[in-house]
């Protein structure tokens, strides 16, 4: 009986904490979201790509391009003309900066 009460109290506490955090975030959301422009989207993508694919590989894919479609930034690398291969791609939420999708094409 005591364990179930303790478990219920813990779950309720976690729920209240999450609810308060979500309300706080919504009230403090910047008007243009946490990723308001192309430069910010590119920096976030680089910060995620480098630990995954390595700094040397990502550096070779500059310049990066970010395009906003609805509320999602799509950031892509580029390759020198005539070079075969793929580039890193990231999709990032403009609103809250969540990484929605990451891949490196071949």
PDB file of N, CA and C in Angstrom:
ATOM      1  N   UNK A   1       0.823  -1.191   0.000  1.00  0.00           N
ATOM      2  CA  UNK A   1       0.000   0.000   0.000  1.00  0.00           C
ATOM      3  C   UNK A   1       0.867   1.255   0.000  1.00  0.00           C
ATOM      4  N   UNK A   2       1.913   1.269   0.792  1.00  0.00           N
ATOM      5  CA  UNK A   2       2.784   2.427   0.875  1.00  0.00           C
ATOM      6  C   UNK A   2       3.531   2.635  -0.444  1.00  0.00           C
ATOM      7  N   UNK A   3       3.907   1.558  -1.104  1.00  0.00           N
ATOM      8  CA  UNK A   3       4.632   1.655  -2.372  1.00  0.00           C
ATOM      9  C   UNK A   3       3.747   2.280  -3.447  1.00  0.00           C
ATOM     10  N   UNK A   4       2.474   1.858  -3.509  1.00  0.00           N
ATOM     11  CA  UNK A   4       1.579   2.420  -4.522  1.00  0.00           C
ATOM     12  C   UNK A   4       1.305   3.893  -4.255  1.00  0.00           C
ATOM     13  N   UNK A   5       1.207   4.301  -3.011  1.00  0.00           N
ATOM     14  CA  UNK A   5       1.014   5.708  -2.672  1.00  0.00           C
ATOM     15  C   UNK A   5       2.244   6.521  -3.042  1.00  0.00           C
ATOM     16  N   UNK A   6       3.398   5.978  -2.754  1.00  0.00           N
ATOM     17  CA  UNK A   6       4.653   6.640  -3.097  1.00  0.00           C
ATOM     18  C   UNK A   6       4.800   6.764  -4.615  1.00  0.00           C
ATOM     19  N   UNK A   7       4.466   5.721  -5.333  1.00  0.00           N
ATOM     20  CA  UNK A   7       4.543   5.739  -6.787  1.00  0.00           C
ATOM     21  C   UNK A   7       3.568   6.759  -7.371  1.00  0.00           C
ATOM     22  N   UNK A   8       2.354   6.786  -6.860  1.00  0.00           N
ATOM     23  CA  UNK A   8       1.352   7.752  -7.320  1.00  0.00           C
ATOM     24  C   UNK A   8       1.816   9.183  -7.048  1.00  0.00           C
ATOM     25  N   UNK A   9       2.389   9.422  -5.893  1.00  0.00           N
ATOM     26  CA  UNK A   9       2.899  10.749  -5.551  1.00  0.00           C
ATOM     27  C   UNK A   9       4.026  11.150  -6.491  1.00  0.00           C
ATOM     28  N   UNK A  10       4.922  10.225  -6.795  1.00  0.00           N
ATOM     29  CA  UNK A  10       6.033  10.513  -7.701  1.00  0.00           C
ATOM     30  C   UNK A  10       5.532  10.834  -9.105  1.00  0.00           C
ATOM     31  N   UNK A  11       4.596  10.049  -9.609  1.00  0.00           N
ATOM     32  CA  UNK A  11       4.037  10.281 -10.947  1.00  0.00           C
ATOM     33  C   UNK A  11       3.327  11.627 -10.987  1.00  0.00           C
ATOM     34  N   UNK A  12       2.563  11.946  -9.965  1.00  0.00           N
ATOM     35  CA  UNK A  12       1.868  13.227  -9.906  1.00  0.00           C
ATOM     36  C   UNK A  12       2.869  14.382  -9.865  1.00  0.00           C
ATOM     37  N   UNK A  13       3.920  14.227  -9.097  1.00  0.00           N
ATOM     38  CA  UNK A  13       4.955  15.263  -9.030  1.00  0.00           C
ATOM     39  C   UNK A  13       5.621  15.493 -10.380  1.00  0.00           C
ATOM     40  N   UNK A  14       5.932  14.407 -11.080  1.00  0.00           N
ATOM     41  CA  UNK A  14       6.539  14.524 -12.408  1.00  0.00           C
ATOM     42  C   UNK A  14       5.569  15.209 -13.367  1.00  0.00           C
ATOM     43  N   UNK A  15       4.312  14.829 -13.338  1.00  0.00           N
ATOM     44  CA  UNK A  15       3.294  15.436 -14.196  1.00  0.00           C
ATOM     45  C   UNK A  15       3.183  16.937 -13.924  1.00  0.00           C
ATOM     46  N   UNK A  16       3.146  17.323 -12.669  1.00  0.00           N
ATOM     47  CA  UNK A  16       3.038  18.741 -12.323  1.00  0.00           C
ATOM     48  C   UNK A  16       4.272  19.515 -12.767  1.00  0.00           C
ATOM     49  N   UNK A  17       5.442  18.904 -12.615  1.00  0.00           N
ATOM     50  CA  UNK A  17       6.684  19.549 -13.064  1.00  0.00           C
ATOM     51  C   UNK A  17       6.669  19.764 -14.577  1.00  0.00           C
ATOM     52  N   UNK A  18       6.277  18.745 -15.329  1.00  0.00           N
ATOM     53  CA  UNK A  18       6.220  18.856 -16.797  1.00  0.00           C
ATOM     54  C   UNK A  18       5.195  19.909 -17.198  1.00  0.00           C
ATOM     55  N   UNK A  19       4.047  19.920 -16.571  1.00  0.00           N
ATOM     56  CA  UNK A  19       3.010  20.903 -16.892  1.00  0.00           C
ATOM     57  C   UNK A  19       3.497  22.320 -16.622  1.00  0.00           C
ATOM     58  N   UNK A  20       4.163  22.522 -15.493  1.00  0.00           N
ATOM     59  CA  UNK A  20       4.679  23.856 -15.162  1.00  0.00           C
ATOM     60  C   UNK A  20       5.755  24.284 -16.145  1.00  0.00           C
ATOM     61  N   UNK A  21       6.628  23.351 -16.533  1.00  0.00           N
ATOM     62  CA  UNK A  21       7.691  23.663 -17.489  1.00  0.00           C
ATOM     63  C   UNK A  21       7.109  24.027 -18.843  1.00  0.00           C
ATOM     64  N   UNK A  22       6.105  23.285 -19.294  1.00  0.00           N
ATOM     65  CA  UNK A  22       5.487  23.574 -20.586  1.00  0.00           C
ATOM     66  C   UNK A  22       4.817  24.941 -20.567  1.00  0.00           C
ATOM     67  N   UNK A  23       4.143  25.282 -19.480  1.00  0.00           N
ATOM     68  CA  UNK A  23       3.484  26.583 -19.375  1.00  0.00           C
ATOM     69  C   UNK A  23       4.532  27.688 -19.362  1.00  0.00           C
ATOM     70  N   UNK A  24       5.623  27.471 -18.646  1.00  0.00           N
ATOM     71  CA  UNK A  24       6.696  28.462 -18.585  1.00  0.00           C
ATOM     72  C   UNK A  24       7.290  28.687 -19.971  1.00  0.00           C
ATOM     73  N   UNK A  25       7.559  27.603 -20.691  1.00  0.00           N
ATOM     74  CA  UNK A  25       8.145  27.714 -22.029  1.00  0.00           C
ATOM     75  C   UNK A  25       7.221  28.464 -22.985  1.00  0.00           C
ATOM     76  N   UNK A  26       5.931  28.177 -22.939  1.00  0.00           N
ATOM     77  CA  UNK A  26       4.983  28.831 -23.833  1.00  0.00           C
ATOM     78  C   UNK A  26       4.914  30.328 -23.547  1.00  0.00           C
ATOM     79  N   UNK A  27       5.007  30.714 -22.299  1.00  0.00           N
ATOM     80  CA  UNK A  27       4.947  32.129 -21.925  1.00  0.00           C
ATOM     81  C   UNK A  27       6.207  32.874 -22.333  1.00  0.00           C
ATOM     82  N   UNK A  28       7.344  32.190 -22.391  1.00  0.00           N
ATOM     83  CA  UNK A  28       8.617  32.832 -22.677  1.00  0.00           C
ATOM     84  C   UNK A  28       9.124  32.565 -24.087  1.00  0.00           C
ATOM     85  N   UNK A  29       8.264  32.061 -24.962  1.00  0.00           N
ATOM     86  CA  UNK A  29       8.640  31.764 -26.334  1.00  0.00           C
ATOM     87  C   UNK A  29       8.946  33.075 -27.063  1.00  0.00           C
ATOM     88  N   UNK A  30      10.125  33.195 -27.671  1.00  0.00           N
ATOM     89  CA  UNK A  30      10.403  34.396 -28.462  1.00  0.00           C
ATOM     90  C   UNK A  30       9.386  34.509 -29.597  1.00  0.00           C
ATOM     91  N   UNK A  31       9.021  35.719 -29.994  1.00  0.00           N
ATOM     92  CA  UNK A  31       7.984  35.889 -31.019  1.00  0.00           C
ATOM     93  C   UNK A  31       8.311  35.203 -32.343  1.00  0.00           C
ATOM     94  N   UNK A  32       9.586  35.098 -32.694  1.00  0.00           N
ATOM     95  CA  UNK A  32       9.997  34.443 -33.944  1.00  0.00           C
ATOM     96  C   UNK A  32      10.514  33.031 -33.710  1.00  0.00           C
ATOM     97  N   UNK A  33      10.250  32.473 -32.539  1.00  0.00           N
ATOM     98  CA  UNK A  33      10.722  31.133 -32.214  1.00  0.00           C
ATOM     99  C   UNK A  33      12.171  31.170 -31.741  1.00  0.00           C
ATOM    100  N   UNK A  34      12.676  30.013 -31.318  1.00  0.00           N
ATOM    101  CA  UNK A  34      14.048  29.929 -30.831  1.00  0.00           C
ATOM    102  C   UNK A  34      15.063  29.843 -31.967  1.00  0.00           C
ATOM    103  N   UNK A  35      14.588  29.584 -33.183  1.00  0.00           N
ATOM    104  CA  UNK A  35      15.473  29.523 -34.358  1.00  0.00           C
ATOM    105  C   UNK A  35      14.901  30.508 -35.396  1.00  0.00           C
ATOM    106  N   UNK A  36      15.152  31.805 -35.196  1.00  0.00           N
ATOM    107  CA  UNK A  36      14.484  32.822 -35.999  1.00  0.00           C
ATOM    108  C   UNK A  36      15.045  33.039 -37.399  1.00  0.00           C
ATOM    109  N   UNK A  37      16.270  32.560 -37.649  1.00  0.00           N
ATOM    110  CA  UNK A  37      16.882  32.881 -38.941  1.00  0.00           C
ATOM    111  C   UNK A  37      17.786  31.756 -39.445  1.00  0.00           C
ATOM    112  N   UNK A  38      18.215  31.913 -40.704  1.00  0.00           N
ATOM    113  CA  UNK A  38      19.043  30.905 -41.374  1.00  0.00           C
ATOM    114  C   UNK A  38      20.354  30.664 -40.622  1.00  0.00           C
ATOM    115  N   UNK A  39      20.992  31.726 -40.166  1.00  0.00           N
ATOM    116  CA  UNK A  39      22.285  31.597 -39.479  1.00  0.00           C
ATOM    117  C   UNK A  39      22.159  30.732 -38.218  1.00  0.00           C
ATOM    118  N   UNK A  40      21.109  30.928 -37.455  1.00  0.00           N
ATOM    119  CA  UNK A  40      20.902  30.136 -36.241  1.00  0.00           C
ATOM    120  C   UNK A  40      20.651  28.673 -36.588  1.00  0.00           C
ATOM    121  N   UNK A  41      19.841  28.434 -37.620  1.00  0.00           N
ATOM    122  CA  UNK A  41      19.557  27.063 -38.046  1.00  0.00           C
ATOM    123  C   UNK A  41      20.841  26.345 -38.466  1.00  0.00           C
ATOM    124  N   UNK A  42      21.694  27.028 -39.220  1.00  0.00           N
ATOM    125  CA  UNK A  42      22.960  26.434 -39.671  1.00  0.00           C
ATOM    126  C   UNK A  42      23.854  26.104 -38.481  1.00  0.00           C
ATOM    127  N   UNK A  43      23.944  26.986 -37.521  1.00  0.00           N
ATOM    128  CA  UNK A  43      24.796  26.735 -36.342  1.00  0.00           C
ATOM    129  C   UNK A  43      24.310  25.529 -35.544  1.00  0.00           C
ATOM    130  N   UNK A  44      23.003  25.405 -35.407  1.00  0.00           N
ATOM    131  CA  UNK A  44      22.457  24.246 -34.693  1.00  0.00           C
ATOM    132  C   UNK A  44      22.768  22.968 -35.461  1.00  0.00           C
ATOM    133  N   UNK A  45      22.556  22.991 -36.771  1.00  0.00           N
ATOM    134  CA  UNK A  45      22.836  21.806 -37.589  1.00  0.00           C
ATOM    135  C   UNK A  45      24.301  21.396 -37.463  1.00  0.00           C
ATOM    136  N   UNK A  46      25.207  22.342 -37.571  1.00  0.00           N
ATOM    137  CA  UNK A  46      26.644  22.032 -37.442  1.00  0.00           C
ATOM    138  C   UNK A  46      26.946  21.409 -36.083  1.00  0.00           C
ATOM    139  N   UNK A  47      26.348  21.957 -35.032  1.00  0.00           N
ATOM    140  CA  UNK A  47      26.597  21.450 -33.680  1.00  0.00           C
ATOM    141  C   UNK A  47      26.140  20.002 -33.531  1.00  0.00           C
ATOM    142  N   UNK A  48      25.127  19.614 -34.281  1.00  0.00           N
ATOM    143  CA  UNK A  48      24.626  18.239 -34.221  1.00  0.00           C
ATOM    144  C   UNK A  48      25.404  17.336 -35.174  1.00  0.00           C
ATOM    145  N   UNK A  49      25.704  17.820 -36.374  1.00  0.00           N
ATOM    146  CA  UNK A  49      26.411  16.999 -37.373  1.00  0.00           C
ATOM    147  C   UNK A  49      27.832  16.625 -36.955  1.00  0.00           C
ATOM    148  N   UNK A  50      28.582  17.565 -36.418  1.00  0.00           N
ATOM    149  CA  UNK A  50      30.011  17.333 -36.141  1.00  0.00           C
ATOM    150  C   UNK A  50      30.256  16.129 -35.235  1.00  0.00           C
ATOM    151  N   UNK A  51      29.549  15.972 -34.107  1.00  0.00           N
ATOM    152  CA  UNK A  51      29.793  14.776 -33.285  1.00  0.00           C
ATOM    153  C   UNK A  51      29.389  13.473 -33.980  1.00  0.00           C
ATOM    154  N   UNK A  52      28.428  13.563 -34.905  1.00  0.00           N
ATOM    155  CA  UNK A  52      27.946  12.354 -35.574  1.00  0.00           C
ATOM    156  C   UNK A  52      28.839  11.967 -36.745  1.00  0.00           C
ATOM    157  N   UNK A  53      29.153  12.932 -37.619  1.00  0.00           N
ATOM    158  CA  UNK A  53      29.849  12.639 -38.874  1.00  0.00           C
ATOM    159  C   UNK A  53      31.313  13.073 -38.893  1.00  0.00           C
ATOM    160  N   UNK A  54      31.733  13.845 -37.914  1.00  0.00           N
ATOM    161  CA  UNK A  54      33.115  14.286 -37.832  1.00  0.00           C
ATOM    162  C   UNK A  54      33.312  15.678 -38.431  1.00  0.00           C
ATOM    163  N   UNK A  55      34.181  16.430 -37.794  1.00  0.00           N
ATOM    164  CA  UNK A  55      34.405  17.823 -38.197  1.00  0.00           C
ATOM    165  C   UNK A  55      34.982  17.934 -39.603  1.00  0.00           C
ATOM    166  N   UNK A  56      35.920  17.061 -39.959  1.00  0.00           N
ATOM    167  CA  UNK A  56      36.529  17.135 -41.295  1.00  0.00           C
ATOM    168  C   UNK A  56      35.495  16.947 -42.394  1.00  0.00           C
ATOM    169  N   UNK A  57      34.620  15.973 -42.240  1.00  0.00           N
ATOM    170  CA  UNK A  57      33.602  15.688 -43.251  1.00  0.00           C
ATOM    171  C   UNK A  57      32.630  16.860 -43.392  1.00  0.00           C
ATOM    172  N   UNK A  58      32.207  17.424 -42.274  1.00  0.00           N
ATOM    173  CA  UNK A  58      31.245  18.532 -42.301  1.00  0.00           C
ATOM    174  C   UNK A  58      31.893  19.798 -42.858  1.00  0.00           C
ATOM    175  N   UNK A  59      33.126  20.067 -42.533  1.00  0.00           N
ATOM    176  CA  UNK A  59      33.827  21.254 -43.055  1.00  0.00           C
ATOM    177  C   UNK A  59      33.888  21.233 -44.578  1.00  0.00           C
ATOM    178  N   UNK A  60      34.016  20.046 -45.162  1.00  0.00           N
ATOM    179  CA  UNK A  60      34.099  19.920 -46.621  1.00  0.00           C
ATOM    180  C   UNK A  60      32.773  20.238 -47.317  1.00  0.00           C
ATOM    181  N   UNK A  61      31.686  20.307 -46.543  1.00  0.00           N
ATOM    182  CA  UNK A  61      30.359  20.515 -47.123  1.00  0.00           C
ATOM    183  C   UNK A  61      29.885  21.966 -47.056  1.00  0.00           C
ATOM    184  N   UNK A  62      30.773  22.858 -46.657  1.00  0.00           N
ATOM    185  CA  UNK A  62      30.423  24.281 -46.636  1.00  0.00           C
ATOM    186  C   UNK A  62      30.419  24.818 -48.056  1.00  0.00           C
ATOM    187  N   UNK A  63      29.594  25.792 -48.361  1.00  0.00           N
ATOM    188  CA  UNK A  63      28.679  26.511 -47.482  1.00  0.00           C
ATOM    189  C   UNK A  63      27.390  25.727 -47.267  1.00  0.00           C
ATOM    190  N   UNK A  64      26.749  26.023 -46.131  1.00  0.00           N
ATOM    191  CA  UNK A  64      25.480  25.403 -45.803  1.00  0.00           C
ATOM    192  C   UNK A  64      24.347  26.339 -46.200  1.00  0.00           C
ATOM    193  N   UNK A  65      23.210  25.735 -46.486  1.00  0.00           N
ATOM    194  CA  UNK A  65      22.034  26.508 -46.861  1.00  0.00           C
ATOM    195  C   UNK A  65      20.877  26.072 -45.991  1.00  0.00           C
ATOM    196  N   UNK A  66      20.116  27.049 -45.493  1.00  0.00           N
ATOM    197  CA  UNK A  66      18.930  26.753 -44.692  1.00  0.00           C
ATOM    198  C   UNK A  66      17.715  27.388 -45.358  1.00  0.00           C
ATOM    199  N   UNK A  67      16.677  26.587 -45.520  1.00  0.00           N
ATOM    200  CA  UNK A  67      15.436  27.049 -46.132  1.00  0.00           C
ATOM    201  C   UNK A  67      14.302  26.782 -45.152  1.00  0.00           C
ATOM    202  N   UNK A  68      13.476  27.805 -44.916  1.00  0.00           N
ATOM    203  CA  UNK A  68      12.341  27.669 -44.015  1.00  0.00           C
ATOM    204  C   UNK A  68      11.094  27.296 -44.797  1.00  0.00           C
ATOM    205  N   UNK A  69      10.467  26.199 -44.407  1.00  0.00           N
ATOM    206  CA  UNK A  69       9.198  25.780 -45.002  1.00  0.00           C
ATOM    207  C   UNK A  69       8.234  25.543 -43.853  1.00  0.00           C
ATOM    208  N   UNK A  70       7.175  26.352 -43.825  1.00  0.00           N
ATOM    209  CA  UNK A  70       6.237  26.364 -42.707  1.00  0.00           C
ATOM    210  C   UNK A  70       7.026  26.698 -41.445  1.00  0.00           C
ATOM    211  N   UNK A  71       7.107  25.821 -40.471  1.00  0.00           N
ATOM    212  CA  UNK A  71       7.860  26.106 -39.242  1.00  0.00           C
ATOM    213  C   UNK A  71       9.073  25.201 -39.083  1.00  0.00           C
ATOM    214  N   UNK A  72       9.610  24.713 -40.207  1.00  0.00           N
ATOM    215  CA  UNK A  72      10.757  23.811 -40.162  1.00  0.00           C
ATOM    216  C   UNK A  72      11.879  24.330 -41.048  1.00  0.00           C
ATOM    217  N   UNK A  73      13.069  24.442 -40.450  1.00  0.00           N
ATOM    218  CA  UNK A  73      14.267  24.773 -41.217  1.00  0.00           C
ATOM    219  C   UNK A  73      14.848  23.489 -41.781  1.00  0.00           C
ATOM    220  N   UNK A  74      15.171  23.473 -43.056  1.00  0.00           N
ATOM    221  CA  UNK A  74      15.880  22.349 -43.679  1.00  0.00           C
ATOM    222  C   UNK A  74      17.269  22.865 -44.029  1.00  0.00           C
ATOM    223  N   UNK A  75      18.283  22.321 -43.365  1.00  0.00           N
ATOM    224  CA  UNK A  75      19.667  22.751 -43.556  1.00  0.00           C
ATOM    225  C   UNK A  75      20.399  21.664 -44.329  1.00  0.00           C
ATOM    226  N   UNK A  76      21.095  22.078 -45.400  1.00  0.00           N
ATOM    227  CA  UNK A  76      21.832  21.128 -46.233  1.00  0.00           C
ATOM    228  C   UNK A  76      23.240  21.637 -46.484  1.00  0.00           C
ATOM    229  N   UNK A  77      24.130  20.685 -46.687  1.00  0.00           N
ATOM    230  CA  UNK A  77      25.484  21.024 -47.076  1.00  0.00           C
ATOM    231  C   UNK A  77      25.568  21.131 -48.583  1.00  0.00           C
ATOM    232  N   UNK A  78      26.747  21.454 -49.077  1.00  0.00           N
ATOM    233  CA  UNK A  78      26.956  21.516 -50.524  1.00  0.00           C
ATOM    234  C   UNK A  78      28.273  20.823 -50.852  1.00  0.00           C
ATOM    235  N   UNK A  79      28.405  20.434 -52.100  1.00  0.00           N
ATOM    236  CA  UNK A  79      29.627  19.787 -52.564  1.00  0.00           C
ATOM    237  C   UNK A  79      30.247  20.629 -53.675  1.00  0.00           C
ATOM    238  N   UNK A  80      31.566  20.599 -53.792  1.00  0.00           N
ATOM    239  CA  UNK A  80      32.201  21.306 -54.911  1.00  0.00           C
ATOM    240  C   UNK A  80      31.696  20.744 -56.242  1.00  0.00           C
ATOM    241  N   UNK A  81      31.648  21.596 -57.234  1.00  0.00           N
ATOM    242  CA  UNK A  81      31.159  21.180 -58.547  1.00  0.00           C
ATOM    243  C   UNK A  81      31.962  19.995 -59.063  1.00  0.00           C
ATOM    244  N   UNK A  82      31.256  18.993 -59.565  1.00  0.00           N
ATOM    245  CA  UNK A  82      31.888  17.802 -60.122  1.00  0.00           C
ATOM    246  C   UNK A  82      32.190  16.721 -59.101  1.00  0.00           C
ATOM    247  N   UNK A  83      32.056  17.031 -57.805  1.00  0.00           N
ATOM    248  CA  UNK A  83      32.339  16.042 -56.762  1.00  0.00           C
ATOM    249  C   UNK A  83      31.113  15.170 -56.548  1.00  0.00           C
ATOM    250  N   UNK A  84      31.318  13.864 -56.497  1.00  0.00           N
ATOM    251  CA  UNK A  84      30.224  12.930 -56.270  1.00  0.00           C
ATOM    252  C   UNK A  84      30.047  12.685 -54.780  1.00  0.00           C
ATOM    253  N   UNK A  85      28.833  12.379 -54.400  1.00  0.00           N
ATOM    254  CA  UNK A  85      28.560  12.056 -53.002  1.00  0.00           C
ATOM    255  C   UNK A  85      27.348  12.798 -52.508  1.00  0.00           C
ATOM    256  N   UNK A  86      27.077  12.674 -51.227  1.00  0.00           N
ATOM    257  CA  UNK A  86      25.927  13.327 -50.626  1.00  0.00           C
ATOM    258  C   UNK A  86      26.364  14.276 -49.537  1.00  0.00           C
ATOM    259  N   UNK A  87      25.393  14.945 -48.961  1.00  0.00           N
ATOM    260  CA  UNK A  87      25.676  15.906 -47.899  1.00  0.00           C
ATOM    261  C   UNK A  87      24.796  15.630 -46.689  1.00  0.00           C
ATOM    262  N   UNK A  88      25.147  16.285 -45.612  1.00  0.00           N
ATOM    263  CA  UNK A  88      24.342  16.204 -44.397  1.00  0.00           C
ATOM    264  C   UNK A  88      23.070  17.016 -44.581  1.00  0.00           C
ATOM    265  N   UNK A  89      21.998  16.533 -43.978  1.00  0.00           N
ATOM    266  CA  UNK A  89      20.712  17.226 -43.988  1.00  0.00           C
ATOM    267  C   UNK A  89      20.170  17.210 -42.563  1.00  0.00           C
ATOM    268  N   UNK A  90      19.649  18.355 -42.141  1.00  0.00           N
ATOM    269  CA  UNK A  90      19.004  18.445 -40.828  1.00  0.00           C
ATOM    270  C   UNK A  90      17.703  19.215 -40.977  1.00  0.00           C
ATOM    271  N   UNK A  91      16.694  18.783 -40.262  1.00  0.00           N
ATOM    272  CA  UNK A  91      15.453  19.533 -40.177  1.00  0.00           C
ATOM    273  C   UNK A  91      15.265  19.919 -38.718  1.00  0.00           C
ATOM    274  N   UNK A  92      15.017  21.223 -38.515  1.00  0.00           N
ATOM    275  CA  UNK A  92      14.998  21.797 -37.176  1.00  0.00           C
ATOM    276  C   UNK A  92      13.719  22.615 -37.001  1.00  0.00           C
ATOM    277  N   UNK A  93      13.063  22.448 -35.868  1.00  0.00           N
ATOM    278  CA  UNK A  93      11.859  23.213 -35.565  1.00  0.00           C
ATOM    279  C   UNK A  93      12.211  24.673 -35.311  1.00  0.00           C
ATOM    280  N   UNK A  94      11.579  25.576 -36.051  1.00  0.00           N
ATOM    281  CA  UNK A  94      11.788  27.008 -35.836  1.00  0.00           C
ATOM    282  C   UNK A  94      11.288  27.416 -34.458  1.00  0.00           C
ATOM    283  N   UNK A  95      10.180  26.838 -34.052  1.00  0.00           N
ATOM    284  CA  UNK A  95       9.531  27.217 -32.803  1.00  0.00           C
ATOM    285  C   UNK A  95      10.386  26.933 -31.574  1.00  0.00           C
ATOM    286  N   UNK A  96      10.896  25.692 -31.477  1.00  0.00           N
ATOM    287  CA  UNK A  96      11.577  25.320 -30.238  1.00  0.00           C
ATOM    288  C   UNK A  96      12.980  24.738 -30.416  1.00  0.00           C
ATOM    289  N   UNK A  97      13.475  24.656 -31.658  1.00  0.00           N
ATOM    290  CA  UNK A  97      14.841  24.197 -31.882  1.00  0.00           C
ATOM    291  C   UNK A  97      15.032  22.693 -31.854  1.00  0.00           C
ATOM    292  N   UNK A  98      13.939  21.932 -31.774  1.00  0.00           N
ATOM    293  CA  UNK A  98      14.080  20.468 -31.769  1.00  0.00           C
ATOM    294  C   UNK A  98      14.653  19.983 -33.091  1.00  0.00           C
ATOM    295  N   UNK A  99      15.505  18.969 -33.015  1.00  0.00           N
ATOM    296  CA  UNK A  99      16.028  18.320 -34.201  1.00  0.00           C
ATOM    297  C   UNK A  99      14.971  17.304 -34.625  1.00  0.00           C
ATOM    298  N   UNK A 100      14.404  17.505 -35.816  1.00  0.00           N
ATOM    299  CA  UNK A 100      13.324  16.648 -36.286  1.00  0.00           C
ATOM    300  C   UNK A 100      13.826  15.509 -37.155  1.00  0.00           C
ATOM    301  N   UNK A 101      14.974  15.729 -37.813  1.00  0.00           N
ATOM    302  CA  UNK A 101      15.464  14.748 -38.785  1.00  0.00           C
ATOM    303  C   UNK A 101      16.933  15.026 -39.065  1.00  0.00           C
ATOM    304  N   UNK A 102      17.733  13.971 -39.092  1.00  0.00           N
ATOM    305  CA  UNK A 102      19.164  14.075 -39.432  1.00  0.00           C
ATOM    306  C   UNK A 102      19.515  12.893 -40.326  1.00  0.00           C
ATOM    307  N   UNK A 103      20.265  13.189 -41.392  1.00  0.00           N
ATOM    308  CA  UNK A 103      20.746  12.119 -42.266  1.00  0.00           C
ATOM    309  C   UNK A 103      21.963  12.649 -43.018  1.00  0.00           C
ATOM    310  N   UNK A 104      22.761  11.730 -43.502  1.00  0.00           N
ATOM    311  CA  UNK A 104      23.849  12.077 -44.417  1.00  0.00           C
ATOM    312  C   UNK A 104      23.680  11.214 -45.634  1.00  0.00           C
ATOM    313  N   UNK A 105      23.376  11.872 -46.758  1.00  0.00           N
ATOM    314  CA  UNK A 105      23.195  11.142 -48.009  1.00  0.00           C
ATOM    315  C   UNK A 105      24.539  10.608 -48.504  1.00  0.00           C
ATOM    316  N   UNK A 106      24.485   9.566 -49.283  1.00  0.00           N
ATOM    317  CA  UNK A 106      25.705   8.982 -49.837  1.00  0.00           C
ATOM    318  C   UNK A 106      25.888   9.387 -51.285  1.00  0.00           C
TER     319      UNK A 106
END
